[in-house]
Amino acid sequence: MVKRIINILIFVFIAALYVISFLMIFESFKQRKLEHLEASAIDAFEKSVKIEKVNVEDIESDKTSNMGFDYSGYTLLGKIEIPRIGFTSVVIGENTYHSMDLGVVLSYGNALNESGGFIISGHNYRGQSIFMYNIRNLESGDKIYIIDSSGRKLEYTVYEKIRNYDPTGTDIYKKYDGYHLTLVTCENDGNSRIVVKAIAN
């Protein structure tokens, strides 16, 4: 009887090892696939636009259309670069959970690099890797670059960071004077948000 129990326990242990190994391999494959899709989207965006660094005055006099273009069923609106934390991703027009697997999303406000303000949201973790969570390390004065679908690259300067922001809070969803960017991601297992505010001068 004891021998039978030991054999059953050994079988359960081996089966558990197989399941754990399978899940680890699956997660690794999923992670690589997501990173490949994002890299392909970034590459497609960069090949489709001629990127030029601009300032607010250039944008105010520019009437170029900034509506994005289709990529694998998603609308690529632009690209975000945050050198301080080594973050680069595409900005997608569709605000869904799954679109945030590919990149970050325009979740509120005007078109990228237009006055009045806009919010970009993204997962804190994507698969096994930190995705947007490192925005928690940004400080006042750090730079964020937004490249829109017309190729205009505008520099934003961080001026405020809020930790443990209530996910039901609404005061960030408003119109701003000038060219304003807000970044949002989850923390504390989704029970609160990290909010970073930046402005282009």
N, C-alpha and C. Protein backbone atom coordinates (compact mmCIF):
# COMPACT_ATOMS: atom_id res chain seq x y z
N MET A 1 0.83 -1.21 0.00
CA MET A 1 0.00 0.00 0.00
C MET A 1 0.87 1.27 0.00
N VAL A 2 1.89 1.26 0.87
CA VAL A 2 2.80 2.41 0.95
C VAL A 2 3.54 2.59 -0.37
N LYS A 3 3.96 1.45 -0.95
CA LYS A 3 4.67 1.52 -2.23
C LYS A 3 3.78 2.10 -3.32
N ARG A 4 2.51 1.73 -3.30
CA ARG A 4 1.57 2.25 -4.30
C ARG A 4 1.38 3.76 -4.16
N ILE A 5 1.29 4.22 -2.91
CA ILE A 5 1.13 5.66 -2.66
C ILE A 5 2.37 6.41 -3.14
N ILE A 6 3.55 5.84 -2.86
CA ILE A 6 4.79 6.47 -3.29
C ILE A 6 4.84 6.55 -4.82
N ASN A 7 4.43 5.46 -5.49
CA ASN A 7 4.40 5.46 -6.96
C ASN A 7 3.45 6.51 -7.50
N ILE A 8 2.29 6.66 -6.86
CA ILE A 8 1.31 7.67 -7.29
C ILE A 8 1.90 9.07 -7.11
N LEU A 9 2.56 9.30 -5.96
CA LEU A 9 3.16 10.61 -5.70
C LEU A 9 4.25 10.92 -6.71
N ILE A 10 5.06 9.91 -7.04
CA ILE A 10 6.11 10.10 -8.05
C ILE A 10 5.49 10.44 -9.40
N PHE A 11 4.42 9.73 -9.76
CA PHE A 11 3.73 10.00 -11.03
C PHE A 11 3.17 11.42 -11.06
N VAL A 12 2.53 11.83 -9.96
CA VAL A 12 1.96 13.19 -9.88
C VAL A 12 3.07 14.24 -9.98
N PHE A 13 4.19 13.98 -9.32
CA PHE A 13 5.32 14.91 -9.35
C PHE A 13 5.87 15.05 -10.77
N ILE A 14 6.05 13.91 -11.44
CA ILE A 14 6.57 13.94 -12.81
C ILE A 14 5.59 14.64 -13.74
N ALA A 15 4.29 14.35 -13.58
CA ALA A 15 3.27 15.00 -14.40
C ALA A 15 3.27 16.51 -14.18
N ALA A 16 3.44 16.92 -12.91
CA ALA A 16 3.48 18.35 -12.59
C ALA A 16 4.69 19.01 -13.25
N LEU A 17 5.83 18.32 -13.25
CA LEU A 17 7.02 18.86 -13.91
C LEU A 17 6.79 19.05 -15.40
N TYR A 18 6.12 18.08 -16.04
CA TYR A 18 5.81 18.21 -17.46
C TYR A 18 4.90 19.40 -17.73
N VAL A 19 3.88 19.56 -16.88
CA VAL A 19 2.93 20.68 -17.05
C VAL A 19 3.66 22.01 -16.88
N ILE A 20 4.48 22.11 -15.84
CA ILE A 20 5.23 23.35 -15.58
C ILE A 20 6.17 23.65 -16.74
N SER A 21 6.86 22.61 -17.23
CA SER A 21 7.78 22.80 -18.37
C SER A 21 7.03 23.27 -19.60
N PHE A 22 5.87 22.65 -19.86
CA PHE A 22 5.06 23.06 -21.01
C PHE A 22 4.62 24.52 -20.89
N LEU A 23 4.15 24.91 -19.69
CA LEU A 23 3.71 26.29 -19.49
C LEU A 23 4.85 27.29 -19.67
N MET A 24 6.05 26.92 -19.19
CA MET A 24 7.21 27.81 -19.35
C MET A 24 7.59 27.95 -20.82
N ILE A 25 7.56 26.85 -21.55
CA ILE A 25 7.88 26.89 -22.99
C ILE A 25 6.84 27.71 -23.73
N PHE A 26 5.56 27.51 -23.38
CA PHE A 26 4.47 28.24 -24.03
C PHE A 26 4.60 29.74 -23.77
N GLU A 27 4.87 30.13 -22.51
CA GLU A 27 5.02 31.55 -22.18
C GLU A 27 6.22 32.17 -22.90
N SER A 28 7.31 31.41 -22.99
CA SER A 28 8.49 31.90 -23.69
C SER A 28 8.19 32.11 -25.18
N PHE A 29 7.47 31.16 -25.77
CA PHE A 29 7.08 31.28 -27.18
C PHE A 29 6.17 32.48 -27.39
N LYS A 30 5.19 32.64 -26.49
CA LYS A 30 4.26 33.76 -26.58
C LYS A 30 5.00 35.08 -26.45
N GLN A 31 5.96 35.14 -25.52
CA GLN A 31 6.75 36.36 -25.31
C GLN A 31 7.53 36.72 -26.57
N ARG A 32 8.20 35.73 -27.16
CA ARG A 32 8.98 35.98 -28.38
C ARG A 32 8.07 36.43 -29.52
N LYS A 33 6.89 35.82 -29.61
CA LYS A 33 5.95 36.19 -30.67
C LYS A 33 5.50 37.64 -30.52
N LEU A 34 5.17 38.05 -29.29
CA LEU A 34 4.73 39.42 -29.05
C LEU A 34 5.85 40.42 -29.37
N GLU A 35 7.07 40.08 -28.94
CA GLU A 35 8.19 40.97 -29.23
C GLU A 35 8.46 41.07 -30.72
N HIS A 36 8.30 39.95 -31.43
CA HIS A 36 8.49 39.96 -32.88
C HIS A 36 7.41 40.81 -33.57
N LEU A 37 6.15 40.67 -33.13
CA LEU A 37 5.06 41.45 -33.71
C LEU A 37 5.28 42.94 -33.48
N GLU A 38 5.72 43.30 -32.27
CA GLU A 38 5.97 44.71 -31.97
C GLU A 38 7.12 45.24 -32.82
N ALA A 39 8.21 44.47 -32.91
CA ALA A 39 9.35 44.90 -33.72
C ALA A 39 8.96 45.07 -35.18
N SER A 40 8.12 44.16 -35.71
CA SER A 40 7.65 44.26 -37.09
C SER A 40 6.80 45.50 -37.29
N ALA A 41 5.95 45.80 -36.28
CA ALA A 41 5.10 46.98 -36.37
C ALA A 41 5.94 48.26 -36.34
N ILE A 42 6.94 48.30 -35.48
CA ILE A 42 7.84 49.46 -35.42
C ILE A 42 8.55 49.64 -36.76
N ASP A 43 9.03 48.53 -37.31
CA ASP A 43 9.73 48.57 -38.60
C ASP A 43 8.81 49.06 -39.71
N ALA A 44 7.58 48.56 -39.72
CA ALA A 44 6.60 48.98 -40.74
C ALA A 44 6.30 50.47 -40.61
N PHE A 45 6.17 50.94 -39.37
CA PHE A 45 5.90 52.36 -39.15
C PHE A 45 7.06 53.21 -39.66
N GLU A 46 8.27 52.84 -39.28
CA GLU A 46 9.44 53.63 -39.66
C GLU A 46 9.66 53.65 -41.17
N LYS A 47 9.27 52.58 -41.86
CA LYS A 47 9.40 52.54 -43.32
C LYS A 47 8.31 53.34 -44.01
N SER A 48 7.22 53.62 -43.31
CA SER A 48 6.07 54.30 -43.92
C SER A 48 6.08 55.81 -43.75
N VAL A 49 6.91 56.30 -42.83
CA VAL A 49 6.93 57.75 -42.59
C VAL A 49 8.35 58.28 -42.67
N LYS A 50 8.45 59.55 -43.00
CA LYS A 50 9.73 60.24 -42.97
C LYS A 50 9.75 61.04 -41.68
N ILE A 51 10.59 60.61 -40.73
CA ILE A 51 10.60 61.20 -39.39
C ILE A 51 11.42 62.49 -39.38
N GLU A 52 10.82 63.52 -38.81
CA GLU A 52 11.48 64.83 -38.71
C GLU A 52 11.16 65.44 -37.35
N LYS A 53 12.20 65.81 -36.61
CA LYS A 53 11.99 66.44 -35.31
C LYS A 53 11.43 67.84 -35.52
N VAL A 54 10.34 68.14 -34.79
CA VAL A 54 9.67 69.44 -34.93
C VAL A 54 9.46 70.05 -33.55
N ASN A 55 9.04 71.31 -33.55
CA ASN A 55 8.66 71.96 -32.31
C ASN A 55 7.19 72.36 -32.40
N VAL A 56 6.68 72.92 -31.32
CA VAL A 56 5.26 73.28 -31.26
C VAL A 56 4.88 74.25 -32.37
N GLU A 57 5.75 75.21 -32.66
CA GLU A 57 5.44 76.20 -33.70
C GLU A 57 5.30 75.53 -35.07
N ASP A 58 6.13 74.54 -35.35
CA ASP A 58 6.02 73.81 -36.62
C ASP A 58 4.67 73.11 -36.73
N ILE A 59 4.22 72.50 -35.65
CA ILE A 59 2.96 71.76 -35.68
C ILE A 59 1.78 72.70 -35.82
N GLU A 60 1.85 73.85 -35.16
CA GLU A 60 0.74 74.81 -35.23
C GLU A 60 0.54 75.34 -36.64
N SER A 61 1.60 75.34 -37.45
CA SER A 61 1.47 75.83 -38.82
C SER A 61 1.33 74.70 -39.83
N ASP A 62 1.30 73.45 -39.32
CA ASP A 62 1.25 72.28 -40.20
C ASP A 62 -0.17 71.73 -40.25
N LYS A 63 -0.71 71.58 -41.43
CA LYS A 63 -2.08 71.06 -41.58
C LYS A 63 -2.08 69.62 -42.11
N THR A 64 -0.97 68.92 -41.93
CA THR A 64 -0.85 67.56 -42.44
C THR A 64 -1.82 66.63 -41.74
N SER A 65 -2.40 65.70 -42.49
CA SER A 65 -3.29 64.69 -41.90
C SER A 65 -2.50 63.76 -41.00
N ASN A 66 -3.10 63.39 -39.87
CA ASN A 66 -2.40 62.59 -38.87
C ASN A 66 -3.36 61.50 -38.37
N MET A 67 -3.79 60.64 -39.29
CA MET A 67 -4.85 59.67 -38.96
C MET A 67 -4.35 58.25 -38.79
N GLY A 68 -3.10 57.97 -39.09
CA GLY A 68 -2.58 56.62 -38.95
C GLY A 68 -2.78 55.79 -40.20
N PHE A 69 -2.30 54.53 -40.14
CA PHE A 69 -2.47 53.62 -41.27
C PHE A 69 -2.62 52.19 -40.77
N ASP A 70 -3.17 51.34 -41.61
CA ASP A 70 -3.48 49.98 -41.21
C ASP A 70 -2.24 49.10 -41.16
N TYR A 71 -2.20 48.26 -40.12
CA TYR A 71 -1.15 47.25 -39.99
C TYR A 71 -1.75 46.01 -39.31
N SER A 72 -1.92 44.95 -40.08
CA SER A 72 -2.43 43.68 -39.56
C SER A 72 -3.73 43.86 -38.77
N GLY A 73 -4.62 44.68 -39.28
CA GLY A 73 -5.91 44.86 -38.63
C GLY A 73 -5.93 45.92 -37.55
N TYR A 74 -4.79 46.54 -37.27
CA TYR A 74 -4.72 47.62 -36.29
C TYR A 74 -4.37 48.93 -36.99
N THR A 75 -4.70 50.03 -36.35
CA THR A 75 -4.33 51.35 -36.87
C THR A 75 -3.10 51.85 -36.14
N LEU A 76 -1.99 51.95 -36.87
CA LEU A 76 -0.77 52.49 -36.28
C LEU A 76 -0.84 54.01 -36.32
N LEU A 77 -0.91 54.62 -35.15
CA LEU A 77 -0.99 56.08 -35.06
C LEU A 77 0.38 56.72 -34.94
N GLY A 78 1.34 55.99 -34.41
CA GLY A 78 2.65 56.58 -34.22
C GLY A 78 3.57 55.69 -33.42
N LYS A 79 4.55 56.33 -32.84
CA LYS A 79 5.59 55.64 -32.09
C LYS A 79 5.96 56.47 -30.88
N ILE A 80 6.30 55.79 -29.77
CA ILE A 80 6.73 56.48 -28.56
C ILE A 80 8.14 56.02 -28.22
N GLU A 81 8.97 56.97 -27.79
CA GLU A 81 10.33 56.68 -27.36
C GLU A 81 10.58 57.37 -26.02
N ILE A 82 11.07 56.59 -25.04
CA ILE A 82 11.42 57.16 -23.74
C ILE A 82 12.85 56.74 -23.42
N PRO A 83 13.83 57.53 -23.82
CA PRO A 83 15.24 57.13 -23.66
C PRO A 83 15.65 56.81 -22.22
N ARG A 84 15.13 57.55 -21.26
CA ARG A 84 15.52 57.37 -19.84
C ARG A 84 15.31 55.95 -19.36
N ILE A 85 14.26 55.27 -19.86
CA ILE A 85 13.97 53.90 -19.41
C ILE A 85 14.13 52.89 -20.55
N GLY A 86 14.64 53.34 -21.69
CA GLY A 86 14.87 52.43 -22.80
C GLY A 86 13.61 51.84 -23.38
N PHE A 87 12.54 52.63 -23.42
CA PHE A 87 11.25 52.13 -23.89
C PHE A 87 10.91 52.68 -25.27
N THR A 88 10.55 51.79 -26.18
CA THR A 88 10.09 52.16 -27.52
C THR A 88 8.95 51.25 -27.90
N SER A 89 7.88 51.81 -28.45
CA SER A 89 6.76 50.99 -28.90
C SER A 89 5.94 51.76 -29.93
N VAL A 90 5.04 51.04 -30.57
CA VAL A 90 4.09 51.69 -31.47
C VAL A 90 2.87 52.13 -30.68
N VAL A 91 2.19 53.16 -31.19
CA VAL A 91 0.95 53.65 -30.59
C VAL A 91 -0.19 53.21 -31.51
N ILE A 92 -1.15 52.51 -30.94
CA ILE A 92 -2.24 51.90 -31.71
C ILE A 92 -3.55 52.63 -31.44
N GLY A 93 -4.38 52.72 -32.46
CA GLY A 93 -5.65 53.43 -32.33
C GLY A 93 -6.73 52.65 -31.61
N GLU A 94 -6.70 51.32 -31.72
CA GLU A 94 -7.73 50.49 -31.09
C GLU A 94 -7.39 50.29 -29.61
N ASN A 95 -8.30 50.71 -28.74
CA ASN A 95 -8.05 50.63 -27.30
C ASN A 95 -8.68 49.36 -26.73
N THR A 96 -7.97 48.24 -26.88
CA THR A 96 -8.45 46.96 -26.35
C THR A 96 -7.33 46.29 -25.58
N TYR A 97 -7.70 45.30 -24.78
CA TYR A 97 -6.71 44.56 -24.00
C TYR A 97 -5.69 43.89 -24.92
N HIS A 98 -6.19 43.28 -26.01
CA HIS A 98 -5.30 42.55 -26.92
C HIS A 98 -4.44 43.48 -27.77
N SER A 99 -4.95 44.67 -28.12
CA SER A 99 -4.11 45.59 -28.89
C SER A 99 -2.92 46.05 -28.06
N MET A 100 -3.08 46.05 -26.72
CA MET A 100 -1.97 46.44 -25.85
C MET A 100 -0.92 45.34 -25.75
N ASP A 101 -1.21 44.16 -26.32
CA ASP A 101 -0.16 43.14 -26.43
C ASP A 101 0.84 43.52 -27.52
N LEU A 102 0.37 44.27 -28.52
CA LEU A 102 1.24 44.67 -29.63
C LEU A 102 2.02 45.94 -29.31
N GLY A 103 1.39 46.88 -28.62
CA GLY A 103 2.04 48.15 -28.29
C GLY A 103 1.25 48.89 -27.24
N VAL A 104 1.34 50.20 -27.24
CA VAL A 104 0.53 51.03 -26.35
C VAL A 104 -0.62 51.60 -27.17
N VAL A 105 -1.63 52.13 -26.48
CA VAL A 105 -2.82 52.61 -27.19
C VAL A 105 -3.12 54.07 -26.85
N LEU A 106 -3.72 54.74 -27.82
CA LEU A 106 -4.26 56.07 -27.56
C LEU A 106 -5.62 55.84 -26.89
N SER A 107 -5.69 56.11 -25.59
CA SER A 107 -6.89 55.76 -24.85
C SER A 107 -7.84 56.94 -24.61
N TYR A 108 -7.37 58.16 -24.87
CA TYR A 108 -8.25 59.31 -24.67
C TYR A 108 -7.62 60.53 -25.33
N GLY A 109 -8.48 61.43 -25.77
CA GLY A 109 -8.03 62.75 -26.21
C GLY A 109 -7.86 62.91 -27.70
N ASN A 110 -7.11 63.94 -28.05
CA ASN A 110 -6.90 64.32 -29.44
C ASN A 110 -5.91 63.39 -30.13
N ALA A 111 -5.71 63.62 -31.42
CA ALA A 111 -4.70 62.88 -32.16
C ALA A 111 -3.31 63.18 -31.59
N LEU A 112 -2.36 62.27 -31.85
CA LEU A 112 -1.00 62.47 -31.37
C LEU A 112 -0.45 63.80 -31.85
N ASN A 113 0.26 64.47 -30.95
CA ASN A 113 0.93 65.74 -31.26
C ASN A 113 -0.01 66.85 -31.70
N GLU A 114 -1.24 66.78 -31.23
CA GLU A 114 -2.19 67.88 -31.47
C GLU A 114 -2.50 68.53 -30.12
N SER A 115 -2.82 69.82 -30.14
CA SER A 115 -3.07 70.53 -28.89
C SER A 115 -4.36 70.03 -28.24
N GLY A 116 -4.41 70.16 -26.93
CA GLY A 116 -5.58 69.72 -26.17
C GLY A 116 -5.30 68.52 -25.29
N GLY A 117 -4.27 67.77 -25.62
CA GLY A 117 -3.87 66.66 -24.77
C GLY A 117 -4.38 65.31 -25.23
N PHE A 118 -3.62 64.27 -24.89
CA PHE A 118 -4.01 62.89 -25.18
C PHE A 118 -3.38 61.98 -24.14
N ILE A 119 -3.98 60.80 -23.98
CA ILE A 119 -3.51 59.81 -23.01
C ILE A 119 -3.08 58.55 -23.75
N ILE A 120 -1.91 58.05 -23.40
CA ILE A 120 -1.40 56.78 -23.93
C ILE A 120 -1.34 55.78 -22.78
N SER A 121 -1.95 54.62 -22.99
CA SER A 121 -1.99 53.58 -21.96
C SER A 121 -1.35 52.30 -22.47
N GLY A 122 -0.84 51.50 -21.53
CA GLY A 122 -0.24 50.23 -21.90
C GLY A 122 -0.17 49.29 -20.71
N HIS A 123 0.01 48.00 -21.00
CA HIS A 123 0.20 47.01 -19.94
C HIS A 123 1.45 47.33 -19.14
N ASN A 124 1.42 47.04 -17.84
CA ASN A 124 2.66 47.17 -17.06
C ASN A 124 3.60 46.02 -17.37
N TYR A 125 3.05 44.80 -17.42
CA TYR A 125 3.84 43.63 -17.83
C TYR A 125 3.22 43.06 -19.08
N ARG A 126 4.05 42.49 -19.94
CA ARG A 126 3.57 41.81 -21.14
C ARG A 126 4.28 40.48 -21.20
N GLY A 127 3.54 39.40 -20.90
CA GLY A 127 4.18 38.10 -20.80
C GLY A 127 5.07 38.09 -19.57
N GLN A 128 6.33 37.72 -19.76
CA GLN A 128 7.26 37.61 -18.63
C GLN A 128 8.11 38.87 -18.45
N SER A 129 7.95 39.85 -19.32
CA SER A 129 8.84 41.01 -19.25
C SER A 129 8.09 42.27 -18.82
N ILE A 130 8.84 43.14 -18.14
CA ILE A 130 8.29 44.46 -17.82
C ILE A 130 8.05 45.18 -19.14
N PHE A 131 6.88 45.76 -19.30
CA PHE A 131 6.58 46.49 -20.52
C PHE A 131 6.61 47.99 -20.20
N MET A 132 5.50 48.53 -19.72
CA MET A 132 5.43 49.97 -19.47
C MET A 132 5.65 50.32 -17.99
N TYR A 133 5.85 49.31 -17.16
CA TYR A 133 5.94 49.53 -15.71
C TYR A 133 7.06 50.48 -15.33
N ASN A 134 8.13 50.51 -16.11
CA ASN A 134 9.27 51.36 -15.76
C ASN A 134 9.01 52.86 -15.87
N ILE A 135 7.82 53.24 -16.31
CA ILE A 135 7.52 54.68 -16.26
C ILE A 135 7.51 55.17 -14.82
N ARG A 136 7.46 54.23 -13.87
CA ARG A 136 7.54 54.61 -12.45
C ARG A 136 8.87 55.26 -12.12
N ASN A 137 9.89 55.03 -12.95
CA ASN A 137 11.22 55.59 -12.70
C ASN A 137 11.43 56.95 -13.35
N LEU A 138 10.45 57.44 -14.09
CA LEU A 138 10.60 58.76 -14.72
C LEU A 138 10.51 59.87 -13.68
N GLU A 139 11.25 60.93 -13.94
CA GLU A 139 11.27 62.08 -13.03
C GLU A 139 11.07 63.36 -13.83
N SER A 140 10.75 64.43 -13.15
CA SER A 140 10.58 65.73 -13.81
C SER A 140 11.83 66.06 -14.61
N GLY A 141 11.62 66.51 -15.84
CA GLY A 141 12.72 66.86 -16.73
C GLY A 141 13.06 65.77 -17.73
N ASP A 142 12.62 64.53 -17.47
CA ASP A 142 12.88 63.45 -18.43
C ASP A 142 12.11 63.70 -19.72
N LYS A 143 12.65 63.19 -20.83
CA LYS A 143 12.07 63.45 -22.15
C LYS A 143 11.31 62.24 -22.69
N ILE A 144 10.22 62.54 -23.35
CA ILE A 144 9.41 61.53 -24.06
C ILE A 144 9.21 62.06 -25.47
N TYR A 145 9.41 61.19 -26.45
CA TYR A 145 9.26 61.60 -27.85
C TYR A 145 8.09 60.86 -28.46
N ILE A 146 7.20 61.62 -29.08
CA ILE A 146 6.05 61.06 -29.79
C ILE A 146 6.21 61.37 -31.27
N ILE A 147 6.20 60.31 -32.08
CA ILE A 147 6.26 60.45 -33.53
C ILE A 147 4.89 60.08 -34.07
N ASP A 148 4.24 61.00 -34.76
CA ASP A 148 2.90 60.71 -35.28
C ASP A 148 2.98 60.15 -36.69
N SER A 149 1.83 59.82 -37.26
CA SER A 149 1.80 59.12 -38.55
C SER A 149 2.22 60.01 -39.72
N SER A 150 2.35 61.31 -39.49
CA SER A 150 2.88 62.19 -40.53
C SER A 150 4.39 62.35 -40.40
N GLY A 151 4.99 61.69 -39.41
CA GLY A 151 6.44 61.72 -39.23
C GLY A 151 6.95 62.80 -38.31
N ARG A 152 6.05 63.59 -37.73
CA ARG A 152 6.47 64.66 -36.84
C ARG A 152 6.89 64.09 -35.48
N LYS A 153 8.13 64.37 -35.08
CA LYS A 153 8.66 63.90 -33.80
C LYS A 153 8.73 65.08 -32.84
N LEU A 154 7.87 65.03 -31.82
CA LEU A 154 7.76 66.14 -30.88
C LEU A 154 8.26 65.70 -29.50
N GLU A 155 9.04 66.57 -28.88
CA GLU A 155 9.61 66.28 -27.56
C GLU A 155 8.70 66.80 -26.45
N TYR A 156 8.40 65.91 -25.50
CA TYR A 156 7.62 66.26 -24.31
C TYR A 156 8.51 66.14 -23.09
N THR A 157 8.31 67.01 -22.11
CA THR A 157 9.10 67.00 -20.89
C THR A 157 8.21 66.64 -19.70
N VAL A 158 8.63 65.62 -18.95
CA VAL A 158 7.87 65.17 -17.78
C VAL A 158 7.87 66.26 -16.71
N TYR A 159 6.67 66.53 -16.14
CA TYR A 159 6.60 67.51 -15.05
C TYR A 159 5.91 66.96 -13.81
N GLU A 160 5.27 65.78 -13.92
CA GLU A 160 4.60 65.23 -12.74
C GLU A 160 4.46 63.72 -12.88
N LYS A 161 4.62 63.03 -11.75
CA LYS A 161 4.39 61.58 -11.69
C LYS A 161 3.50 61.30 -10.49
N ILE A 162 2.48 60.47 -10.69
CA ILE A 162 1.56 60.13 -9.61
C ILE A 162 1.58 58.61 -9.45
N ARG A 163 1.85 58.14 -8.25
CA ARG A 163 1.78 56.70 -7.94
C ARG A 163 0.48 56.43 -7.19
N ASN A 164 0.02 55.19 -7.26
CA ASN A 164 -1.19 54.75 -6.55
C ASN A 164 -2.42 55.58 -6.91
N TYR A 165 -2.51 55.95 -8.19
CA TYR A 165 -3.67 56.71 -8.65
C TYR A 165 -4.90 55.79 -8.70
N ASP A 166 -6.00 56.27 -8.19
CA ASP A 166 -7.25 55.49 -8.15
C ASP A 166 -7.71 55.15 -9.57
N PRO A 167 -7.90 53.85 -9.89
CA PRO A 167 -8.32 53.49 -11.26
C PRO A 167 -9.69 54.04 -11.65
N THR A 168 -10.48 54.48 -10.67
CA THR A 168 -11.78 55.08 -11.00
C THR A 168 -11.68 56.61 -11.11
N GLY A 169 -10.48 57.15 -10.91
CA GLY A 169 -10.29 58.60 -10.99
C GLY A 169 -10.54 59.12 -12.39
N THR A 170 -11.07 60.32 -12.48
CA THR A 170 -11.43 60.90 -13.79
C THR A 170 -10.75 62.23 -14.07
N ASP A 171 -10.00 62.76 -13.11
CA ASP A 171 -9.46 64.11 -13.31
C ASP A 171 -8.37 64.18 -14.38
N ILE A 172 -7.81 63.04 -14.80
CA ILE A 172 -6.82 63.08 -15.89
C ILE A 172 -7.49 63.13 -17.26
N TYR A 173 -8.79 62.85 -17.30
CA TYR A 173 -9.53 62.84 -18.57
C TYR A 173 -10.14 64.22 -18.79
N LYS A 174 -9.32 65.11 -19.31
CA LYS A 174 -9.79 66.48 -19.52
C LYS A 174 -8.99 67.12 -20.64
N LYS A 175 -9.48 68.24 -21.09
CA LYS A 175 -8.76 69.03 -22.09
C LYS A 175 -7.70 69.87 -21.40
N TYR A 176 -6.54 69.96 -22.05
CA TYR A 176 -5.45 70.77 -21.53
C TYR A 176 -5.14 71.90 -22.50
N ASP A 177 -4.59 72.95 -21.99
CA ASP A 177 -4.05 74.00 -22.85
C ASP A 177 -2.72 73.51 -23.39
N GLY A 178 -2.47 73.75 -24.65
CA GLY A 178 -1.19 73.39 -25.23
C GLY A 178 -1.06 71.92 -25.58
N TYR A 179 0.16 71.48 -25.68
CA TYR A 179 0.48 70.13 -26.16
C TYR A 179 0.85 69.26 -24.96
N HIS A 180 -0.08 68.42 -24.57
CA HIS A 180 0.03 67.71 -23.31
C HIS A 180 -0.10 66.21 -23.52
N LEU A 181 0.77 65.45 -22.84
CA LEU A 181 0.78 63.98 -22.93
C LEU A 181 0.66 63.39 -21.53
N THR A 182 -0.18 62.37 -21.39
CA THR A 182 -0.29 61.62 -20.14
C THR A 182 -0.07 60.14 -20.44
N LEU A 183 0.80 59.50 -19.65
CA LEU A 183 1.03 58.06 -19.75
C LEU A 183 0.37 57.38 -18.55
N VAL A 184 -0.25 56.22 -18.81
CA VAL A 184 -0.92 55.49 -17.73
C VAL A 184 -0.63 54.00 -17.85
N THR A 185 -0.29 53.39 -16.71
CA THR A 185 -0.18 51.93 -16.65
C THR A 185 -0.57 51.47 -15.25
N CYS A 186 -0.78 50.16 -15.11
CA CYS A 186 -1.22 49.60 -13.83
C CYS A 186 -0.05 49.38 -12.88
N GLU A 187 -0.37 49.31 -11.60
CA GLU A 187 0.54 48.81 -10.58
C GLU A 187 -0.31 48.16 -9.48
N ASN A 188 0.35 47.53 -8.52
CA ASN A 188 -0.35 46.88 -7.41
C ASN A 188 -1.41 45.91 -7.88
N ASP A 189 -1.00 45.02 -8.82
CA ASP A 189 -1.91 44.00 -9.36
C ASP A 189 -3.19 44.60 -9.95
N GLY A 190 -3.06 45.78 -10.56
CA GLY A 190 -4.20 46.40 -11.22
C GLY A 190 -5.09 47.21 -10.30
N ASN A 191 -4.73 47.30 -9.01
CA ASN A 191 -5.57 48.03 -8.05
C ASN A 191 -5.32 49.53 -8.05
N SER A 192 -4.25 49.96 -8.72
CA SER A 192 -4.00 51.39 -8.85
C SER A 192 -3.23 51.64 -10.14
N ARG A 193 -2.98 52.90 -10.43
CA ARG A 193 -2.32 53.27 -11.68
C ARG A 193 -1.09 54.15 -11.40
N ILE A 194 -0.16 54.11 -12.35
CA ILE A 194 0.93 55.07 -12.40
C ILE A 194 0.58 56.07 -13.49
N VAL A 195 0.64 57.34 -13.19
CA VAL A 195 0.31 58.39 -14.15
C VAL A 195 1.52 59.30 -14.30
N VAL A 196 1.94 59.53 -15.53
CA VAL A 196 3.05 60.45 -15.81
C VAL A 196 2.52 61.53 -16.75
N LYS A 197 2.74 62.77 -16.39
CA LYS A 197 2.30 63.89 -17.21
C LYS A 197 3.50 64.62 -17.80
N ALA A 198 3.35 65.02 -19.05
CA ALA A 198 4.44 65.71 -19.76
C ALA A 198 3.85 66.76 -20.70
N ILE A 199 4.66 67.75 -21.02
CA ILE A 199 4.19 68.83 -21.89
C ILE A 199 5.27 69.19 -22.90
N ALA A 200 4.83 69.59 -24.09
CA ALA A 200 5.75 70.07 -25.12
C ALA A 200 5.71 71.58 -25.13
N ASN A 201 6.87 72.21 -25.13
CA ASN A 201 6.93 73.68 -25.10
C ASN A 201 7.35 74.23 -26.45
